[in-house]
Amino acid sequence: MNDTPETLTAHVGYAYQLRQSDRSISRDHAVLEQPLTVGRLVRKRGDALCRPRRKFWGLESVNDQRNITCPTCVARAERYGVTIRPLTTTGPWYP
């Protein structure tokens, strides 16, 4: 069963770490604007492509022009045809 809309969009979100420092390896993730269900992969609106939002210590949407740096999010966005777009304050997804 596939409950995924035909056009998937996402925006960039930054994952904070609990004890963030200059040496922390943090990533920018693809945050879904619609739910995604493909086989066993199930993501809700607001989840990153690589893992659910609840598995992050902090996942904040960013409104600047960043690239996704999470390799899993990049691979899944290409595989499932997810369009990454800038976050807007007037669209359906504004936290």
Protein backbone atom coordinates (compact mmCIF):
# COMPACT_ATOMS: atom_id res chain seq x y z
CA MET A 1 0.00 0.00 0.00
CA ASN A 2 1.38 3.38 -1.00
CA ASP A 3 -0.18 6.45 0.67
CA THR A 4 2.44 8.83 -0.69
CA PRO A 5 1.33 11.85 -2.76
CA GLU A 6 2.68 12.05 -6.31
CA THR A 7 4.77 15.16 -5.65
CA LEU A 8 6.88 15.08 -2.51
CA THR A 9 8.54 18.22 -1.19
CA ALA A 10 10.90 18.85 1.68
CA HIS A 11 12.90 21.69 3.14
CA VAL A 12 16.23 21.77 4.96
CA GLY A 13 16.38 21.21 8.71
CA TYR A 14 19.41 21.41 10.99
CA ALA A 15 19.93 18.67 13.58
CA TYR A 16 21.36 20.00 16.81
CA GLN A 17 23.40 17.77 19.08
CA LEU A 18 23.08 17.51 22.84
CA ARG A 19 26.61 18.72 23.55
CA GLN A 20 27.39 20.67 20.42
CA SER A 21 30.91 22.05 20.01
CA ASP A 22 33.31 23.15 17.27
CA ARG A 23 34.22 19.51 16.68
CA SER A 24 30.65 18.25 16.41
CA ILE A 25 29.64 16.62 13.17
CA SER A 26 26.15 17.92 12.55
CA ARG A 27 24.16 17.63 9.38
CA ASP A 28 21.44 19.39 7.44
CA HIS A 29 18.55 17.01 6.71
CA ALA A 30 15.61 16.85 4.29
CA VAL A 31 12.46 17.49 6.37
CA LEU A 32 9.31 16.19 4.68
CA GLU A 33 6.31 18.44 4.08
CA GLN A 34 4.00 15.49 3.30
CA PRO A 35 3.86 11.99 4.75
CA LEU A 36 5.80 9.27 2.94
CA THR A 37 4.93 5.57 2.92
CA VAL A 38 6.90 3.29 0.62
CA GLY A 39 7.05 -0.36 1.67
CA ARG A 40 8.43 -0.47 5.21
CA LEU A 41 9.66 3.13 5.09
CA VAL A 42 7.10 5.32 6.89
CA ARG A 43 7.74 8.99 7.60
CA LYS A 44 5.28 11.59 8.91
CA ARG A 45 5.13 15.23 7.92
CA GLY A 46 8.01 16.94 9.73
CA ASP A 47 10.24 13.84 9.85
CA ALA A 48 13.63 13.76 8.18
CA LEU A 49 14.05 11.27 5.36
CA CYS A 50 16.80 9.43 7.26
CA ARG A 51 14.91 8.95 10.55
CA PRO A 52 11.81 10.12 12.45
CA ARG A 53 11.83 13.51 14.17
CA ARG A 54 11.56 11.90 17.61
CA LYS A 55 14.99 10.25 17.13
CA PHE A 56 16.73 13.65 16.98
CA TRP A 57 17.63 15.70 20.02
CA GLY A 58 16.67 18.76 18.01
CA LEU A 59 15.62 19.21 14.39
CA GLU A 60 14.95 22.83 13.46
CA SER A 61 13.83 24.15 10.10
CA VAL A 62 16.20 26.66 8.53
CA ASN A 63 15.16 29.47 6.23
CA ASP A 64 18.46 30.08 4.44
CA GLN A 65 19.88 28.51 1.30
CA ARG A 66 21.63 25.43 2.67
CA ASN A 67 22.37 22.13 0.99
CA ILE A 68 21.47 18.79 2.52
CA THR A 69 24.61 17.26 4.04
CA CYS A 70 23.10 14.01 5.37
CA PRO A 71 24.09 11.24 2.91
CA THR A 72 21.02 9.13 3.74
CA CYS A 73 18.64 12.04 3.15
CA VAL A 74 20.35 12.85 -0.16
CA ALA A 75 20.13 9.23 -1.35
CA ARG A 76 16.46 8.85 -0.35
CA ALA A 77 15.49 12.20 -1.87
CA GLU A 78 16.96 11.07 -5.18
CA ARG A 79 15.40 7.62 -4.93
CA TYR A 80 11.87 8.80 -4.11
CA GLY A 81 11.90 12.00 -6.20
CA VAL A 82 11.65 14.46 -3.31
CA THR A 83 11.97 18.11 -4.33
CA ILE A 84 13.92 20.24 -1.85
CA ARG A 85 12.65 23.79 -1.67
CA PRO A 86 13.34 26.82 0.53
CA LEU A 87 11.19 27.20 3.62
CA THR A 88 8.61 29.98 3.30
CA THR A 89 6.64 31.72 6.01
CA THR A 90 3.43 31.59 3.98
CA GLY A 91 3.35 27.96 2.87
CA PRO A 92 1.65 24.94 4.42
CA TRP A 93 4.73 24.10 6.47
CA TYR A 94 5.83 26.79 8.85
CA PRO A 95 6.73 25.57 12.33
